[in-house]
């Protein structure tokens, strides 16, 4: 009888610890979603909206830190004009654009 009580207690503590483990795993996944996955999805959506609103004449900041003006947009590339004398034109991928500023007269 004493042996069956000990086995029953051990079995119930094992079941409780496995339920506790499952709860902690669920809490960990919820934490990861709200603090890692969801903000990344919001940032991706914001960048896609920014790229969709891009137009010729917009001032852009590239990921390398250069400011320029868009002079042509193709499928996945843009031609950006750099410098004060406006004779430096460089084709680059759209992914290399970090920020877009609309001209003042368009606002």
PDB file of N, CA and C in Angstrom:
ATOM      1  N   UNK A   1       0.815  -1.182   0.000  1.00  0.00           N
ATOM      2  CA  UNK A   1       0.000   0.000   0.000  1.00  0.00           C
ATOM      3  C   UNK A   1       0.869   1.259   0.000  1.00  0.00           C
ATOM      4  N   UNK A   2       1.881   1.259   0.812  1.00  0.00           N
ATOM      5  CA  UNK A   2       2.795   2.398   0.867  1.00  0.00           C
ATOM      6  C   UNK A   2       3.490   2.578  -0.476  1.00  0.00           C
ATOM      7  N   UNK A   3       3.831   1.470  -1.115  1.00  0.00           N
ATOM      8  CA  UNK A   3       4.500   1.536  -2.410  1.00  0.00           C
ATOM      9  C   UNK A   3       3.579   2.125  -3.476  1.00  0.00           C
ATOM     10  N   UNK A   4       2.317   1.799  -3.464  1.00  0.00           N
ATOM     11  CA  UNK A   4       1.389   2.319  -4.463  1.00  0.00           C
ATOM     12  C   UNK A   4       1.158   3.816  -4.245  1.00  0.00           C
ATOM     13  N   UNK A   5       1.182   4.271  -2.976  1.00  0.00           N
ATOM     14  CA  UNK A   5       1.046   5.696  -2.705  1.00  0.00           C
ATOM     15  C   UNK A   5       2.263   6.469  -3.235  1.00  0.00           C
ATOM     16  N   UNK A   6       3.431   5.900  -3.050  1.00  0.00           N
ATOM     17  CA  UNK A   6       4.649   6.549  -3.533  1.00  0.00           C
ATOM     18  C   UNK A   6       4.640   6.628  -5.059  1.00  0.00           C
ATOM     19  N   UNK A   7       4.226   5.550  -5.730  1.00  0.00           N
ATOM     20  CA  UNK A   7       4.147   5.545  -7.186  1.00  0.00           C
ATOM     21  C   UNK A   7       3.102   6.529  -7.686  1.00  0.00           C
ATOM     22  N   UNK A   8       1.988   6.634  -7.021  1.00  0.00           N
ATOM     23  CA  UNK A   8       0.934   7.568  -7.417  1.00  0.00           C
ATOM     24  C   UNK A   8       1.413   9.010  -7.244  1.00  0.00           C
ATOM     25  N   UNK A   9       2.140   9.283  -6.159  1.00  0.00           N
ATOM     26  CA  UNK A   9       2.671  10.624  -5.929  1.00  0.00           C
ATOM     27  C   UNK A   9       3.711  10.969  -6.984  1.00  0.00           C
ATOM     28  N   UNK A  10       4.564  10.028  -7.326  1.00  0.00           N
ATOM     29  CA  UNK A  10       5.585  10.254  -8.346  1.00  0.00           C
ATOM     30  C   UNK A  10       4.951  10.491  -9.711  1.00  0.00           C
ATOM     31  N   UNK A  11       3.920   9.745 -10.023  1.00  0.00           N
ATOM     32  CA  UNK A  11       3.238   9.899 -11.305  1.00  0.00           C
ATOM     33  C   UNK A  11       2.545  11.256 -11.388  1.00  0.00           C
ATOM     34  N   UNK A  12       1.929  11.686 -10.286  1.00  0.00           N
ATOM     35  CA  UNK A  12       1.239  12.980 -10.318  1.00  0.00           C
ATOM     36  C   UNK A  12       2.239  14.136 -10.393  1.00  0.00           C
ATOM     37  N   UNK A  13       3.398  14.011  -9.749  1.00  0.00           N
ATOM     38  CA  UNK A  13       4.394  15.075  -9.831  1.00  0.00           C
ATOM     39  C   UNK A  13       5.019  15.132 -11.226  1.00  0.00           C
ATOM     40  N   UNK A  14       5.167  13.999 -11.887  1.00  0.00           N
ATOM     41  CA  UNK A  14       5.683  13.970 -13.249  1.00  0.00           C
ATOM     42  C   UNK A  14       4.681  14.626 -14.200  1.00  0.00           C
ATOM     43  N   UNK A  15       3.404  14.342 -14.012  1.00  0.00           N
ATOM     44  CA  UNK A  15       2.372  14.948 -14.852  1.00  0.00           C
ATOM     45  C   UNK A  15       2.324  16.458 -14.619  1.00  0.00           C
ATOM     46  N   UNK A  16       2.455  16.881 -13.382  1.00  0.00           N
ATOM     47  CA  UNK A  16       2.430  18.310 -13.075  1.00  0.00           C
ATOM     48  C   UNK A  16       3.648  19.024 -13.671  1.00  0.00           C
ATOM     49  N   UNK A  17       4.801  18.377 -13.621  1.00  0.00           N
ATOM     50  CA  UNK A  17       5.991  19.013 -14.178  1.00  0.00           C
ATOM     51  C   UNK A  17       5.920  19.079 -15.698  1.00  0.00           C
ATOM     52  N   UNK A  18       5.323  18.082 -16.342  1.00  0.00           N
ATOM     53  CA  UNK A  18       5.190  18.138 -17.803  1.00  0.00           C
ATOM     54  C   UNK A  18       4.173  19.198 -18.214  1.00  0.00           C
ATOM     55  N   UNK A  19       3.114  19.371 -17.444  1.00  0.00           N
ATOM     56  CA  UNK A  19       2.150  20.442 -17.730  1.00  0.00           C
ATOM     57  C   UNK A  19       2.822  21.798 -17.530  1.00  0.00           C
ATOM     58  N   UNK A  20       3.610  21.926 -16.488  1.00  0.00           N
ATOM     59  CA  UNK A  20       4.333  23.162 -16.230  1.00  0.00           C
ATOM     60  C   UNK A  20       5.315  23.456 -17.360  1.00  0.00           C
ATOM     61  N   UNK A  21       5.981  22.453 -17.876  1.00  0.00           N
ATOM     62  CA  UNK A  21       6.907  22.616 -18.991  1.00  0.00           C
ATOM     63  C   UNK A  21       6.171  23.094 -20.246  1.00  0.00           C
ATOM     64  N   UNK A  22       5.024  22.521 -20.523  1.00  0.00           N
ATOM     65  CA  UNK A  22       4.230  22.922 -21.685  1.00  0.00           C
ATOM     66  C   UNK A  22       3.776  24.374 -21.547  1.00  0.00           C
ATOM     67  N   UNK A  23       3.359  24.760 -20.346  1.00  0.00           N
ATOM     68  CA  UNK A  23       2.935  26.144 -20.105  1.00  0.00           C
ATOM     69  C   UNK A  23       4.096  27.094 -20.355  1.00  0.00           C
ATOM     70  N   UNK A  24       5.285  26.773 -19.896  1.00  0.00           N
ATOM     71  CA  UNK A  24       6.444  27.643 -20.099  1.00  0.00           C
ATOM     72  C   UNK A  24       6.830  27.736 -21.569  1.00  0.00           C
ATOM     73  N   UNK A  25       6.701  26.655 -22.298  1.00  0.00           N
ATOM     74  CA  UNK A  25       6.997  26.681 -23.728  1.00  0.00           C
ATOM     75  C   UNK A  25       6.009  27.588 -24.455  1.00  0.00           C
ATOM     76  N   UNK A  26       4.725  27.498 -24.096  1.00  0.00           N
ATOM     77  CA  UNK A  26       3.707  28.356 -24.697  1.00  0.00           C
ATOM     78  C   UNK A  26       3.995  29.821 -24.367  1.00  0.00           C
ATOM     79  N   UNK A  27       4.351  30.110 -23.116  1.00  0.00           N
ATOM     80  CA  UNK A  27       4.679  31.474 -22.714  1.00  0.00           C
ATOM     81  C   UNK A  27       5.887  31.982 -23.494  1.00  0.00           C
ATOM     82  N   UNK A  28       6.878  31.150 -23.704  1.00  0.00           N
ATOM     83  CA  UNK A  28       8.067  31.528 -24.467  1.00  0.00           C
ATOM     84  C   UNK A  28       7.707  31.878 -25.908  1.00  0.00           C
ATOM     85  N   UNK A  29       6.862  31.075 -26.558  1.00  0.00           N
ATOM     86  CA  UNK A  29       6.456  31.359 -27.925  1.00  0.00           C
ATOM     87  C   UNK A  29       5.625  32.632 -28.022  1.00  0.00           C
ATOM     88  N   UNK A  30       4.752  32.872 -27.059  1.00  0.00           N
ATOM     89  CA  UNK A  30       3.965  34.111 -27.045  1.00  0.00           C
ATOM     90  C   UNK A  30       4.897  35.308 -26.886  1.00  0.00           C
ATOM     91  N   UNK A  31       5.860  35.208 -26.003  1.00  0.00           N
ATOM     92  CA  UNK A  31       6.841  36.275 -25.799  1.00  0.00           C
ATOM     93  C   UNK A  31       7.618  36.541 -27.081  1.00  0.00           C
ATOM     94  N   UNK A  32       8.077  35.496 -27.742  1.00  0.00           N
ATOM     95  CA  UNK A  32       8.837  35.653 -28.984  1.00  0.00           C
ATOM     96  C   UNK A  32       7.984  36.311 -30.060  1.00  0.00           C
ATOM     97  N   UNK A  33       6.709  35.957 -30.136  1.00  0.00           N
ATOM     98  CA  UNK A  33       5.841  36.534 -31.159  1.00  0.00           C
ATOM     99  C   UNK A  33       5.675  38.032 -30.935  1.00  0.00           C
ATOM    100  N   UNK A  34       5.351  38.441 -29.715  1.00  0.00           N
ATOM    101  CA  UNK A  34       5.058  39.847 -29.462  1.00  0.00           C
ATOM    102  C   UNK A  34       6.296  40.737 -29.405  1.00  0.00           C
ATOM    103  N   UNK A  35       7.457  40.188 -29.113  1.00  0.00           N
ATOM    104  CA  UNK A  35       8.650  41.019 -29.000  1.00  0.00           C
ATOM    105  C   UNK A  35       9.650  40.846 -30.134  1.00  0.00           C
ATOM    106  N   UNK A  36       9.460  39.852 -30.996  1.00  0.00           N
ATOM    107  CA  UNK A  36      10.410  39.653 -32.083  1.00  0.00           C
ATOM    108  C   UNK A  36       9.723  39.559 -33.444  1.00  0.00           C
ATOM    109  N   UNK A  37       8.755  38.711 -33.593  1.00  0.00           N
ATOM    110  CA  UNK A  37       8.163  38.444 -34.904  1.00  0.00           C
ATOM    111  C   UNK A  37       7.230  39.573 -35.327  1.00  0.00           C
ATOM    112  N   UNK A  38       6.326  39.989 -34.448  1.00  0.00           N
ATOM    113  CA  UNK A  38       5.346  41.018 -34.791  1.00  0.00           C
ATOM    114  C   UNK A  38       5.991  42.365 -35.140  1.00  0.00           C
ATOM    115  N   UNK A  39       6.966  42.867 -34.362  1.00  0.00           N
ATOM    116  CA  UNK A  39       7.602  44.129 -34.767  1.00  0.00           C
ATOM    117  C   UNK A  39       8.327  44.030 -36.115  1.00  0.00           C
ATOM    118  N   UNK A  40       8.917  42.881 -36.404  1.00  0.00           N
ATOM    119  CA  UNK A  40       9.593  42.704 -37.687  1.00  0.00           C
ATOM    120  C   UNK A  40       8.591  42.741 -38.833  1.00  0.00           C
ATOM    121  N   UNK A  41       7.414  42.142 -38.635  1.00  0.00           N
ATOM    122  CA  UNK A  41       6.386  42.179 -39.665  1.00  0.00           C
ATOM    123  C   UNK A  41       5.889  43.606 -39.896  1.00  0.00           C
ATOM    124  N   UNK A  42       5.744  44.385 -38.814  1.00  0.00           N
ATOM    125  CA  UNK A  42       5.323  45.779 -38.946  1.00  0.00           C
ATOM    126  C   UNK A  42       6.360  46.587 -39.719  1.00  0.00           C
ATOM    127  N   UNK A  43       7.626  46.370 -39.429  1.00  0.00           N
ATOM    128  CA  UNK A  43       8.704  47.087 -40.119  1.00  0.00           C
ATOM    129  C   UNK A  43       8.736  46.729 -41.599  1.00  0.00           C
ATOM    130  N   UNK A  44       8.543  45.463 -41.930  1.00  0.00           N
ATOM    131  CA  UNK A  44       8.516  45.026 -43.325  1.00  0.00           C
ATOM    132  C   UNK A  44       7.346  45.659 -44.066  1.00  0.00           C
ATOM    133  N   UNK A  45       6.180  45.707 -43.424  1.00  0.00           N
ATOM    134  CA  UNK A  45       5.006  46.318 -44.042  1.00  0.00           C
ATOM    135  C   UNK A  45       5.240  47.813 -44.285  1.00  0.00           C
ATOM    136  N   UNK A  46       5.850  48.491 -43.327  1.00  0.00           N
ATOM    137  CA  UNK A  46       6.139  49.921 -43.462  1.00  0.00           C
ATOM    138  C   UNK A  46       7.109  50.172 -44.621  1.00  0.00           C
ATOM    139  N   UNK A  47       8.143  49.343 -44.743  1.00  0.00           N
ATOM    140  CA  UNK A  47       9.119  49.503 -45.825  1.00  0.00           C
ATOM    141  C   UNK A  47       8.480  49.235 -47.183  1.00  0.00           C
ATOM    142  N   UNK A  48       7.606  48.233 -47.268  1.00  0.00           N
ATOM    143  CA  UNK A  48       6.921  47.945 -48.534  1.00  0.00           C
ATOM    144  C   UNK A  48       6.019  49.101 -48.948  1.00  0.00           C
ATOM    145  N   UNK A  49       5.331  49.717 -47.984  1.00  0.00           N
ATOM    146  CA  UNK A  49       4.491  50.880 -48.280  1.00  0.00           C
ATOM    147  C   UNK A  49       5.346  52.053 -48.752  1.00  0.00           C
ATOM    148  N   UNK A  50       6.517  52.231 -48.144  1.00  0.00           N
ATOM    149  CA  UNK A  50       7.419  53.298 -48.537  1.00  0.00           C
ATOM    150  C   UNK A  50       7.899  53.076 -49.971  1.00  0.00           C
ATOM    151  N   UNK A  51       8.252  51.853 -50.312  1.00  0.00           N
ATOM    152  CA  UNK A  51       8.727  51.551 -51.658  1.00  0.00           C
ATOM    153  C   UNK A  51       7.619  51.731 -52.693  1.00  0.00           C
ATOM    154  N   UNK A  52       6.376  51.444 -52.311  1.00  0.00           N
ATOM    155  CA  UNK A  52       5.261  51.597 -53.239  1.00  0.00           C
ATOM    156  C   UNK A  52       4.971  53.071 -53.520  1.00  0.00           C
ATOM    157  N   UNK A  53       5.288  53.953 -52.573  1.00  0.00           N
ATOM    158  CA  UNK A  53       5.001  55.375 -52.752  1.00  0.00           C
ATOM    159  C   UNK A  53       6.149  56.129 -53.421  1.00  0.00           C
ATOM    160  N   UNK A  54       7.209  55.432 -53.773  1.00  0.00           N
ATOM    161  CA  UNK A  54       8.376  56.067 -54.371  1.00  0.00           C
ATOM    162  C   UNK A  54       8.047  56.583 -55.774  1.00  0.00           C
ATOM    163  N   UNK A  55       8.520  57.800 -56.085  1.00  0.00           N
ATOM    164  CA  UNK A  55       8.264  58.394 -57.396  1.00  0.00           C
ATOM    165  C   UNK A  55       9.501  59.152 -57.863  1.00  0.00           C
ATOM    166  N   UNK A  56       9.540  59.426 -59.163  1.00  0.00           N
ATOM    167  CA  UNK A  56      10.636  60.197 -59.739  1.00  0.00           C
ATOM    168  C   UNK A  56      10.613  61.600 -59.128  1.00  0.00           C
ATOM    169  N   UNK A  57      11.798  62.082 -58.733  1.00  0.00           N
ATOM    170  CA  UNK A  57      11.919  63.401 -58.124  1.00  0.00           C
ATOM    171  C   UNK A  57      12.011  63.359 -56.609  1.00  0.00           C
ATOM    172  N   UNK A  58      11.768  62.195 -56.010  1.00  0.00           N
ATOM    173  CA  UNK A  58      11.880  62.071 -54.552  1.00  0.00           C
ATOM    174  C   UNK A  58      13.343  62.074 -54.135  1.00  0.00           C
ATOM    175  N   UNK A  59      13.618  62.685 -52.999  1.00  0.00           N
ATOM    176  CA  UNK A  59      14.954  62.638 -52.416  1.00  0.00           C
ATOM    177  C   UNK A  59      15.040  61.376 -51.571  1.00  0.00           C
ATOM    178  N   UNK A  60      16.120  60.623 -51.723  1.00  0.00           N
ATOM    179  CA  UNK A  60      16.264  59.369 -50.996  1.00  0.00           C
ATOM    180  C   UNK A  60      17.568  59.358 -50.206  1.00  0.00           C
ATOM    181  N   UNK A  61      17.555  58.589 -49.148  1.00  0.00           N
ATOM    182  CA  UNK A  61      18.752  58.298 -48.370  1.00  0.00           C
ATOM    183  C   UNK A  61      19.041  56.818 -48.563  1.00  0.00           C
ATOM    184  N   UNK A  62      20.241  56.490 -49.041  1.00  0.00           N
ATOM    185  CA  UNK A  62      20.585  55.092 -49.264  1.00  0.00           C
ATOM    186  C   UNK A  62      21.078  54.469 -47.960  1.00  0.00           C
ATOM    187  N   UNK A  63      21.163  53.158 -47.949  1.00  0.00           N
ATOM    188  CA  UNK A  63      21.643  52.459 -46.760  1.00  0.00           C
ATOM    189  C   UNK A  63      23.109  52.753 -46.486  1.00  0.00           C
ATOM    190  N   UNK A  64      23.836  53.231 -47.492  1.00  0.00           N
ATOM    191  CA  UNK A  64      25.242  53.592 -47.287  1.00  0.00           C
ATOM    192  C   UNK A  64      25.415  55.033 -46.830  1.00  0.00           C
ATOM    193  N   UNK A  65      24.315  55.798 -46.738  1.00  0.00           N
ATOM    194  CA  UNK A  65      24.374  57.134 -46.186  1.00  0.00           C
ATOM    195  C   UNK A  65      24.435  58.260 -47.201  1.00  0.00           C
ATOM    196  N   UNK A  66      24.224  57.961 -48.474  1.00  0.00           N
ATOM    197  CA  UNK A  66      24.249  59.000 -49.509  1.00  0.00           C
ATOM    198  C   UNK A  66      22.843  59.519 -49.773  1.00  0.00           C
ATOM    199  N   UNK A  67      22.738  60.841 -49.966  1.00  0.00           N
ATOM    200  CA  UNK A  67      21.478  61.460 -50.376  1.00  0.00           C
ATOM    201  C   UNK A  67      21.504  61.658 -51.877  1.00  0.00           C
ATOM    202  N   UNK A  68      20.364  61.408 -52.515  1.00  0.00           N
ATOM    203  CA  UNK A  68      20.269  61.600 -53.950  1.00  0.00           C
ATOM    204  C   UNK A  68      18.828  61.806 -54.356  1.00  0.00           C
ATOM    205  N   UNK A  69      18.621  62.021 -55.653  1.00  0.00           N
ATOM    206  CA  UNK A  69      17.294  62.244 -56.210  1.00  0.00           C
ATOM    207  C   UNK A  69      17.020  61.144 -57.227  1.00  0.00           C
ATOM    208  N   UNK A  70      15.833  60.553 -57.157  1.00  0.00           N
ATOM    209  CA  UNK A  70      15.456  59.508 -58.106  1.00  0.00           C
ATOM    210  C   UNK A  70      15.145  60.150 -59.450  1.00  0.00           C
ATOM    211  N   UNK A  71      15.787  59.625 -60.511  1.00  0.00           N
ATOM    212  CA  UNK A  71      15.506  60.149 -61.847  1.00  0.00           C
ATOM    213  C   UNK A  71      14.842  59.110 -62.747  1.00  0.00           C
ATOM    214  N   UNK A  72      14.867  57.832 -62.341  1.00  0.00           N
ATOM    215  CA  UNK A  72      14.195  56.787 -63.120  1.00  0.00           C
ATOM    216  C   UNK A  72      13.914  55.597 -62.210  1.00  0.00           C
ATOM    217  N   UNK A  73      12.761  54.966 -62.417  1.00  0.00           N
ATOM    218  CA  UNK A  73      12.382  53.772 -61.655  1.00  0.00           C
ATOM    219  C   UNK A  73      12.095  52.656 -62.644  1.00  0.00           C
ATOM    220  N   UNK A  74      12.757  51.506 -62.420  1.00  0.00           N
ATOM    221  CA  UNK A  74      12.492  50.321 -63.215  1.00  0.00           C
ATOM    222  C   UNK A  74      11.903  49.276 -62.283  1.00  0.00           C
ATOM    223  N   UNK A  75      11.852  48.011 -62.689  1.00  0.00           N
ATOM    224  CA  UNK A  75      11.195  46.985 -61.879  1.00  0.00           C
ATOM    225  C   UNK A  75      11.773  46.880 -60.471  1.00  0.00           C
ATOM    226  N   UNK A  76      13.031  46.534 -60.362  1.00  0.00           N
ATOM    227  CA  UNK A  76      13.636  46.372 -59.036  1.00  0.00           C
ATOM    228  C   UNK A  76      14.866  47.261 -58.852  1.00  0.00           C
ATOM    229  N   UNK A  77      15.085  48.161 -59.779  1.00  0.00           N
ATOM    230  CA  UNK A  77      16.207  49.091 -59.666  1.00  0.00           C
ATOM    231  C   UNK A  77      15.725  50.528 -59.848  1.00  0.00           C
ATOM    232  N   UNK A  78      16.501  51.432 -59.315  1.00  0.00           N
ATOM    233  CA  UNK A  78      16.242  52.864 -59.499  1.00  0.00           C
ATOM    234  C   UNK A  78      17.550  53.520 -59.921  1.00  0.00           C
ATOM    235  N   UNK A  79      17.456  54.602 -60.652  1.00  0.00           N
ATOM    236  CA  UNK A  79      18.645  55.381 -60.989  1.00  0.00           C
ATOM    237  C   UNK A  79      18.586  56.634 -60.140  1.00  0.00           C
ATOM    238  N   UNK A  80      19.642  56.822 -59.343  1.00  0.00           N
ATOM    239  CA  UNK A  80      19.693  57.926 -58.396  1.00  0.00           C
ATOM    240  C   UNK A  80      20.805  58.874 -58.815  1.00  0.00           C
ATOM    241  N   UNK A  81      20.508  60.163 -58.761  1.00  0.00           N
ATOM    242  CA  UNK A  81      21.458  61.201 -59.130  1.00  0.00           C
ATOM    243  C   UNK A  81      22.048  61.787 -57.849  1.00  0.00           C
ATOM    244  N   UNK A  82      23.370  61.776 -57.754  1.00  0.00           N
ATOM    245  CA  UNK A  82      24.063  62.246 -56.563  1.00  0.00           C
ATOM    246  C   UNK A  82      24.884  63.481 -56.880  1.00  0.00           C
ATOM    247  N   UNK A  83      25.205  64.263 -55.872  1.00  0.00           N
ATOM    248  CA  UNK A  83      26.132  65.379 -56.019  1.00  0.00           C
ATOM    249  C   UNK A  83      25.451  66.688 -56.348  1.00  0.00           C
ATOM    250  N   UNK A  84      26.201  67.773 -56.145  1.00  0.00           N
ATOM    251  CA  UNK A  84      25.650  69.097 -56.385  1.00  0.00           C
ATOM    252  C   UNK A  84      25.657  69.468 -57.859  1.00  0.00           C
ATOM    253  N   UNK A  85      26.539  68.872 -58.656  1.00  0.00           N
ATOM    254  CA  UNK A  85      26.575  69.209 -60.077  1.00  0.00           C
ATOM    255  C   UNK A  85      25.687  68.288 -60.908  1.00  0.00           C
ATOM    256  N   UNK A  86      25.038  67.341 -60.289  1.00  0.00           N
ATOM    257  CA  UNK A  86      24.017  66.480 -60.899  1.00  0.00           C
ATOM    258  C   UNK A  86      24.501  65.674 -62.096  1.00  0.00           C
ATOM    259  N   UNK A  87      25.764  65.275 -62.098  1.00  0.00           N
ATOM    260  CA  UNK A  87      26.225  64.450 -63.211  1.00  0.00           C
ATOM    261  C   UNK A  87      26.671  63.063 -62.758  1.00  0.00           C
ATOM    262  N   UNK A  88      26.367  62.696 -61.563  1.00  0.00           N
ATOM    263  CA  UNK A  88      26.706  61.365 -61.051  1.00  0.00           C
ATOM    264  C   UNK A  88      25.412  60.570 -60.905  1.00  0.00           C
ATOM    265  N   UNK A  89      25.160  59.676 -61.853  1.00  0.00           N
ATOM    266  CA  UNK A  89      23.935  58.869 -61.844  1.00  0.00           C
ATOM    267  C   UNK A  89      24.315  57.414 -61.647  1.00  0.00           C
ATOM    268  N   UNK A  90      23.727  56.804 -60.638  1.00  0.00           N
ATOM    269  CA  UNK A  90      24.082  55.426 -60.289  1.00  0.00           C
ATOM    270  C   UNK A  90      22.823  54.575 -60.210  1.00  0.00           C
ATOM    271  N   UNK A  91      22.779  53.463 -60.959  1.00  0.00           N
ATOM    272  CA  UNK A  91      21.657  52.533 -60.785  1.00  0.00           C
ATOM    273  C   UNK A  91      21.880  51.710 -59.519  1.00  0.00           C
ATOM    274  N   UNK A  92      20.821  51.512 -58.771  1.00  0.00           N
ATOM    275  CA  UNK A  92      20.927  50.709 -57.540  1.00  0.00           C
ATOM    276  C   UNK A  92      19.628  49.961 -57.292  1.00  0.00           C
ATOM    277  N   UNK A  93      19.711  48.940 -56.464  1.00  0.00           N
ATOM    278  CA  UNK A  93      18.528  48.165 -56.116  1.00  0.00           C
ATOM    279  C   UNK A  93      17.629  48.977 -55.200  1.00  0.00           C
ATOM    280  N   UNK A  94      16.334  48.723 -55.296  1.00  0.00           N
ATOM    281  CA  UNK A  94      15.383  49.421 -54.427  1.00  0.00           C
ATOM    282  C   UNK A  94      15.625  49.096 -52.958  1.00  0.00           C
ATOM    283  N   UNK A  95      16.139  47.922 -52.687  1.00  0.00           N
ATOM    284  CA  UNK A  95      16.398  47.524 -51.303  1.00  0.00           C
ATOM    285  C   UNK A  95      17.475  48.370 -50.645  1.00  0.00           C
ATOM    286  N   UNK A  96      18.269  49.085 -51.446  1.00  0.00           N
ATOM    287  CA  UNK A  96      19.340  49.919 -50.900  1.00  0.00           C
ATOM    288  C   UNK A  96      18.840  51.284 -50.447  1.00  0.00           C
ATOM    289  N   UNK A  97      17.547  51.532 -50.561  1.00  0.00           N
ATOM    290  CA  UNK A  97      16.986  52.813 -50.139  1.00  0.00           C
ATOM    291  C   UNK A  97      16.452  52.673 -48.721  1.00  0.00           C
ATOM    292  N   UNK A  98      16.930  53.552 -47.838  1.00  0.00           N
ATOM    293  CA  UNK A  98      16.544  53.493 -46.430  1.00  0.00           C
ATOM    294  C   UNK A  98      15.389  54.428 -46.109  1.00  0.00           C
ATOM    295  N   UNK A  99      15.379  55.632 -46.706  1.00  0.00           N
ATOM    296  CA  UNK A  99      14.333  56.617 -46.435  1.00  0.00           C
ATOM    297  C   UNK A  99      13.989  57.350 -47.720  1.00  0.00           C
ATOM    298  N   UNK A 100      12.749  57.840 -47.771  1.00  0.00           N
ATOM    299  CA  UNK A 100      12.294  58.627 -48.916  1.00  0.00           C
ATOM    300  C   UNK A 100      11.715  59.930 -48.388  1.00  0.00           C
ATOM    301  N   UNK A 101      12.123  61.036 -48.996  1.00  0.00           N
ATOM    302  CA  UNK A 101      11.561  62.350 -48.662  1.00  0.00           C
ATOM    303  C   UNK A 101      10.896  62.892 -49.916  1.00  0.00           C
ATOM    304  N   UNK A 102       9.635  63.238 -49.800  1.00  0.00           N
ATOM    305  CA  UNK A 102       8.903  63.813 -50.919  1.00  0.00           C
ATOM    306  C   UNK A 102       9.321  65.275 -51.096  1.00  0.00           C
ATOM    307  N   UNK A 103       9.272  65.794 -52.341  1.00  0.00           N
ATOM    308  CA  UNK A 103       9.580  67.220 -52.548  1.00  0.00           C
ATOM    309  C   UNK A 103       8.589  68.097 -51.776  1.00  0.00           C
ATOM    310  N   UNK A 104       9.012  69.308 -51.407  1.00  0.00           N
ATOM    311  CA  UNK A 104       8.169  70.201 -50.614  1.00  0.00           C
ATOM    312  C   UNK A 104       6.899  70.619 -51.343  1.00  0.00           C
ATOM    313  N   UNK A 105       6.967  70.788 -52.662  1.00  0.00           N
ATOM    314  CA  UNK A 105       5.782  71.242 -53.387  1.00  0.00           C
ATOM    315  C   UNK A 105       4.723  70.155 -53.512  1.00  0.00           C
ATOM    316  N   UNK A 106       5.067  68.891 -53.261  1.00  0.00           N
ATOM    317  CA  UNK A 106       4.088  67.809 -53.344  1.00  0.00           C
ATOM    318  C   UNK A 106       3.342  67.607 -52.038  1.00  0.00           C
ATOM    319  N   UNK A 107       3.782  68.236 -50.970  1.00  0.00           N
ATOM    320  CA  UNK A 107       3.143  67.999 -49.684  1.00  0.00           C
ATOM    321  C   UNK A 107       1.996  68.915 -49.439  1.00  0.00           C
TER     322      UNK A 107
END
